[in-house]
Amino acid sequence: MSMREIRQSPTAQIVSPDMQEPELMLECRQLCKVYTQGPERVEVLRDLNLRVYAGERVAIVGASGSGKTTLLNLLGGLDLPSSGEVMIAGLNLASLNEAQRGRMRNRNLGFVYQFHHLLGEFSALENVSMPLLIAGNDVRRSAARAAAILERVGLGHRLEHKPSELSGGERQRVAIARALVTEPRCVLLDEPTGNLDRHTAREIHALMAELNTQLATSFVVVTHDEEFARSLDRVLLLRNGQLEELDAATRAAIAARGLTASLVEAPAQDGAHGE
């Protein structure tokens, strides 16, 4: 397969030098997370395994309280597992100190949270420039790149506005631009379009697809937007502390049932896993 053919495939993937396997971007092995509440132990994640390759777009769905955000925090090195391993671009997060994890996140990951978490004293342009400045980029070049990505998410006319001067949807679009501005190898998203209207949400989905095609950026998306989830390469259901991959037949059957159907209510599949 030529590099031209790889670029034109539905899911752009970086291929290792032997041209046989896509690059493994993110992996977790036997991941467990347990919280202690008084005398009780609450096991949120249990021996969970996941592999995400460069260029893949993966949706994680599940009932409220199933541990989706907990999993996303572990994948991004924002929290540590009770046991098991998380690997980002071949680096075991447990082997890094906090400063090293911070540098790894800035270099390899982008984050979009359910709430925007913008810095209120800074403009939209300054908020989006921040990851580039932290990485040591020139101020003028950082501002130019931030302005370009804000234009792409429809906020080119709001560069100097602070978060308090923006609508809820605009603030979330700034947060998405901030995650994309460094052109990270993987973006972790927690309900990225939950606060946006349907038209704007679809524009953001299209932007993510464009970045995926151009840069082979991986996306791991926690979402309740089932239309969005079904449009991605894989859909993983988090249930009983583990991931189950919904195969194409199951996804098609659910889609055929219409708006009342739910990915979360998918029947259990024998041998399904998240690798």
Protein backbone atom coordinates (compact mmCIF):
# COMPACT_ATOMS: atom_id res chain seq x y z
CA MET A 1 0.00 0.00 0.00
CA SER A 2 1.34 3.43 -0.91
CA MET A 3 1.31 6.46 1.38
CA ARG A 4 -1.11 8.06 -1.09
CA GLU A 5 -3.53 5.16 -0.60
CA ILE A 6 -3.18 5.44 3.18
CA ARG A 7 -4.03 9.15 3.07
CA GLN A 8 -7.11 8.45 0.96
CA SER A 9 -8.46 5.69 3.18
CA PRO A 10 -11.60 6.46 5.25
CA THR A 11 -9.55 6.36 8.43
CA ALA A 12 -6.15 7.94 7.92
CA GLN A 13 -3.50 6.01 9.85
CA ILE A 14 0.21 6.46 10.39
CA VAL A 15 1.93 3.25 9.36
CA SER A 16 5.10 1.91 10.91
CA PRO A 17 8.27 1.73 8.78
CA ASP A 18 7.59 -1.89 7.78
CA MET A 19 4.29 -0.63 6.27
CA GLN A 20 2.38 -3.48 7.90
CA GLU A 21 0.81 -2.12 11.08
CA PRO A 22 -0.65 1.27 12.00
CA GLU A 23 1.08 3.04 14.87
CA LEU A 24 -0.37 2.30 18.28
CA MET A 25 -1.17 5.71 19.74
CA LEU A 26 -2.87 4.85 23.03
CA GLU A 27 -3.16 1.64 24.99
CA CYS A 28 -4.36 0.59 28.41
CA ARG A 29 -3.86 -2.85 29.89
CA GLN A 30 -5.82 -4.45 32.72
CA LEU A 31 -6.88 -1.00 33.90
CA CYS A 32 -8.65 -0.83 37.26
CA LYS A 33 -9.95 2.13 39.23
CA VAL A 34 -11.35 1.71 42.72
CA TYR A 35 -12.73 4.43 44.96
CA THR A 36 -13.11 3.98 48.70
CA GLN A 37 -16.19 5.51 50.31
CA GLY A 38 -16.02 4.78 54.04
CA PRO A 39 -16.09 1.01 54.45
CA GLU A 40 -17.18 0.48 50.83
CA ARG A 41 -14.98 -0.07 47.79
CA VAL A 42 -16.49 1.05 44.51
CA GLU A 43 -14.88 -0.60 41.50
CA VAL A 44 -15.51 1.75 38.56
CA LEU A 45 -13.20 0.13 35.99
CA ARG A 46 -12.25 -3.53 36.05
CA ASP A 47 -9.43 -5.11 33.99
CA LEU A 48 -10.21 -2.79 31.10
CA ASN A 49 -8.20 -3.07 27.89
CA LEU A 50 -8.13 -0.61 24.99
CA ARG A 51 -6.03 0.06 21.92
CA VAL A 52 -6.38 3.18 19.77
CA TYR A 53 -4.29 3.48 16.63
CA ALA A 54 -3.11 6.65 14.92
CA GLY A 55 -5.94 8.14 12.92
CA GLU A 56 -8.74 6.19 14.59
CA ARG A 57 -11.94 7.89 15.72
CA VAL A 58 -13.39 6.03 18.70
CA ALA A 59 -16.62 6.74 20.54
CA ILE A 60 -17.16 5.63 24.13
CA VAL A 61 -20.79 5.45 25.18
CA GLY A 62 -22.45 4.23 28.35
CA ALA A 63 -25.04 4.99 30.96
CA SER A 64 -24.53 7.95 33.28
CA GLY A 65 -22.23 6.95 36.13
CA SER A 66 -20.65 4.08 34.20
CA GLY A 67 -17.15 5.58 34.50
CA LYS A 68 -16.66 7.23 31.09
CA THR A 69 -15.14 10.46 32.43
CA THR A 70 -13.02 8.49 34.90
CA LEU A 71 -11.62 6.48 32.00
CA LEU A 72 -10.91 9.61 29.97
CA ASN A 73 -9.01 11.16 32.91
CA LEU A 74 -6.88 8.03 33.21
CA LEU A 75 -6.14 7.97 29.48
CA GLY A 76 -4.97 11.57 29.65
CA GLY A 77 -2.77 11.10 32.71
CA LEU A 78 -4.96 13.45 34.76
CA ASP A 79 -5.57 10.66 37.28
CA LEU A 80 -3.72 7.46 38.13
CA PRO A 81 -5.23 3.96 38.02
CA SER A 82 -5.50 1.71 41.03
CA SER A 83 -3.73 -0.91 38.93
CA GLY A 84 -2.91 -1.52 35.29
CA GLU A 85 -1.04 0.52 32.71
CA VAL A 86 -1.74 3.43 30.37
CA MET A 87 0.61 3.92 27.41
CA ILE A 88 0.66 7.08 25.27
CA ALA A 89 2.81 6.93 22.11
CA GLY A 90 4.79 4.11 23.73
CA LEU A 91 5.30 5.91 27.06
CA ASN A 92 4.06 4.29 30.24
CA LEU A 93 2.45 7.11 32.24
CA ALA A 94 3.35 5.41 35.52
CA SER A 95 7.05 5.82 34.67
CA LEU A 96 6.74 9.62 34.39
CA ASN A 97 6.69 12.21 37.14
CA GLU A 98 4.07 14.97 37.14
CA ALA A 99 6.24 17.42 35.18
CA GLN A 100 7.03 14.78 32.56
CA ARG A 101 3.34 13.85 32.26
CA GLY A 102 2.56 17.52 31.73
CA ARG A 103 5.07 17.78 28.88
CA MET A 104 3.76 14.56 27.36
CA ARG A 105 0.19 15.89 27.45
CA ASN A 106 1.19 19.17 25.84
CA ARG A 107 3.08 17.39 23.07
CA ASN A 108 0.73 14.49 22.29
CA LEU A 109 -2.77 15.19 23.62
CA GLY A 110 -5.57 17.68 23.30
CA PHE A 111 -8.47 17.86 25.74
CA VAL A 112 -12.04 19.05 25.42
CA TYR A 113 -14.10 18.84 28.58
CA GLN A 114 -17.84 18.78 29.14
CA PHE A 115 -17.46 22.34 30.43
CA HIS A 116 -15.14 24.76 28.73
CA HIS A 117 -12.65 25.56 31.57
CA LEU A 118 -11.46 28.71 29.84
CA LEU A 119 -9.41 31.31 31.71
CA GLY A 120 -11.79 34.18 32.36
CA GLU A 121 -9.22 36.98 32.37
CA PHE A 122 -7.93 36.11 28.88
CA SER A 123 -9.46 36.64 25.45
CA ALA A 124 -10.49 33.80 23.14
CA LEU A 125 -7.29 34.32 21.16
CA GLU A 126 -5.14 34.21 24.30
CA ASN A 127 -6.91 31.10 25.63
CA VAL A 128 -6.31 29.23 22.37
CA SER A 129 -2.70 30.46 22.15
CA MET A 130 -1.91 29.16 25.64
CA PRO A 131 -0.89 25.56 24.77
CA LEU A 132 1.47 26.87 22.07
CA LEU A 133 3.07 29.37 24.44
CA ILE A 134 3.49 26.73 27.14
CA ALA A 135 5.31 24.61 24.56
CA GLY A 136 7.73 27.50 23.95
CA ASN A 137 6.42 28.82 20.64
CA ASP A 138 6.87 32.43 19.53
CA VAL A 139 4.07 34.78 20.66
CA ARG A 140 3.29 36.15 17.21
CA ARG A 141 3.28 32.73 15.53
CA SER A 142 1.15 31.30 18.32
CA ALA A 143 -1.40 34.08 17.91
CA ALA A 144 -1.55 33.52 14.15
CA ARG A 145 -2.20 29.79 14.56
CA ALA A 146 -4.80 30.45 17.25
CA ALA A 147 -6.59 32.97 15.06
CA ALA A 148 -6.65 30.51 12.16
CA ILE A 149 -8.25 27.70 14.18
CA LEU A 150 -10.77 30.11 15.75
CA GLU A 151 -11.73 31.17 12.23
CA ARG A 152 -12.30 27.53 11.33
CA VAL A 153 -14.70 27.02 14.23
CA GLY A 154 -16.62 30.16 13.28
CA LEU A 155 -15.20 32.61 15.80
CA GLY A 156 -12.89 34.71 13.68
CA HIS A 157 -14.91 37.77 14.64
CA ARG A 158 -14.68 37.08 18.38
CA LEU A 159 -10.91 36.85 18.87
CA GLU A 160 -10.64 39.60 21.49
CA HIS A 161 -13.74 38.66 23.48
CA LYS A 162 -13.35 37.19 26.95
CA PRO A 163 -15.36 34.11 28.01
CA SER A 164 -17.88 36.24 29.92
CA GLU A 165 -18.63 38.04 26.64
CA LEU A 166 -19.32 34.82 24.72
CA SER A 167 -22.36 32.58 24.61
CA GLY A 168 -22.20 29.05 26.01
CA GLY A 169 -21.83 27.58 22.55
CA GLU A 170 -19.10 30.04 21.65
CA ARG A 171 -17.17 29.24 24.82
CA GLN A 172 -17.25 25.54 23.99
CA ARG A 173 -16.04 26.24 20.46
CA VAL A 174 -13.09 28.17 21.93
CA ALA A 175 -12.32 25.12 24.09
CA ILE A 176 -12.40 22.87 21.03
CA ALA A 177 -10.10 25.26 19.14
CA ARG A 178 -7.70 25.22 22.09
CA ALA A 179 -7.53 21.42 21.94
CA LEU A 180 -6.89 21.39 18.20
CA VAL A 181 -4.41 24.27 17.92
CA THR A 182 -1.30 22.18 18.65
CA GLU A 183 -2.35 19.58 16.07
CA PRO A 184 -2.03 16.85 18.71
CA ARG A 185 -1.66 13.19 17.85
CA CYS A 186 -4.68 12.30 19.98
CA VAL A 187 -7.60 14.35 21.28
CA LEU A 188 -9.67 13.21 24.27
CA LEU A 189 -13.15 14.71 24.30
CA ASP A 190 -15.80 14.59 27.02
CA GLU A 191 -19.18 15.56 25.50
CA PRO A 192 -17.50 18.03 23.10
CA THR A 193 -20.72 19.28 21.50
CA GLY A 194 -23.14 18.76 24.35
CA ASN A 195 -23.69 22.51 24.79
CA LEU A 196 -23.96 23.33 21.08
CA ASP A 197 -26.97 23.53 18.80
CA ARG A 198 -27.31 20.80 16.19
CA HIS A 199 -26.06 22.92 13.28
CA THR A 200 -22.93 24.06 15.13
CA ALA A 201 -22.34 20.55 16.47
CA ARG A 202 -22.31 19.15 12.95
CA GLU A 203 -19.84 21.83 11.89
CA ILE A 204 -17.53 20.80 14.74
CA HIS A 205 -17.93 17.13 13.77
CA ALA A 206 -16.90 18.04 10.22
CA LEU A 207 -13.87 19.95 11.53
CA MET A 208 -12.77 16.91 13.55
CA ALA A 209 -13.15 14.71 10.48
CA GLU A 210 -11.03 17.15 8.46
CA LEU A 211 -8.23 17.18 11.03
CA ASN A 212 -8.39 13.38 11.24
CA THR A 213 -7.96 13.09 7.48
CA GLN A 214 -5.20 15.67 7.17
CA LEU A 215 -3.09 14.88 10.22
CA ALA A 216 -4.02 11.31 11.21
CA THR A 217 -5.08 12.65 14.61
CA SER A 218 -6.81 10.09 16.83
CA PHE A 219 -10.04 11.02 18.58
CA VAL A 220 -11.43 9.31 21.67
CA VAL A 221 -14.86 10.77 22.33
CA VAL A 222 -17.12 10.25 25.32
CA THR A 223 -20.54 11.23 24.07
CA HIS A 224 -24.29 10.86 24.47
CA ASP A 225 -24.74 12.13 20.90
CA GLU A 226 -25.54 8.83 19.24
CA GLU A 227 -25.66 10.28 15.74
CA PHE A 228 -22.09 11.47 16.26
CA ALA A 229 -21.03 8.17 17.83
CA ARG A 230 -22.33 6.13 14.91
CA SER A 231 -20.37 8.31 12.46
CA LEU A 232 -17.02 7.34 14.04
CA ASP A 233 -14.88 4.34 13.21
CA ARG A 234 -15.61 2.35 16.35
CA VAL A 235 -18.19 2.51 19.12
CA LEU A 236 -17.26 1.08 22.51
CA LEU A 237 -19.85 0.58 25.23
CA LEU A 238 -18.60 0.97 28.81
CA ARG A 239 -20.64 -1.43 30.91
CA ASN A 240 -19.85 -3.18 34.19
CA GLY A 241 -16.41 -1.59 34.29
CA GLN A 242 -15.30 -2.95 30.91
CA LEU A 243 -15.46 -1.92 27.26
CA GLU A 244 -17.51 -3.86 24.73
CA GLU A 245 -17.06 -3.11 21.04
CA LEU A 246 -20.35 -2.80 19.18
CA ASP A 247 -19.91 -4.52 15.84
CA ALA A 248 -21.24 -3.14 12.58
CA ALA A 249 -24.30 -5.40 12.57
CA THR A 250 -25.35 -4.30 16.06
CA ARG A 251 -24.85 -0.62 15.23
CA ALA A 252 -26.87 -0.98 12.01
CA ALA A 253 -29.70 -2.78 13.82
CA ILE A 254 -29.87 -0.05 16.47
CA ALA A 255 -29.81 2.70 13.84
CA ALA A 256 -32.67 1.02 11.98
CA ARG A 257 -34.85 1.27 15.08
CA GLY A 258 -34.73 5.06 14.84
CA LEU A 259 -34.43 7.82 17.42
CA THR A 260 -35.85 5.73 20.27
CA ALA A 261 -33.02 3.22 19.96
CA SER A 262 -29.97 3.60 22.17
CA LEU A 263 -26.41 2.35 21.81
CA VAL A 264 -26.32 2.09 25.60
CA GLU A 265 -29.05 -0.56 25.47
CA ALA A 266 -27.16 -2.77 23.03
CA PRO A 267 -27.30 -6.48 23.87
CA ALA A 268 -24.14 -8.03 25.24
CA GLN A 269 -21.89 -9.49 22.55
CA ASP A 270 -19.88 -12.64 23.11
CA GLY A 271 -16.16 -11.98 23.05
CA ALA A 272 -16.57 -8.25 22.51
CA HIS A 273 -13.70 -6.11 23.81
CA GLY A 274 -12.17 -2.73 23.27
CA GLU A 275 -8.90 -3.69 21.59
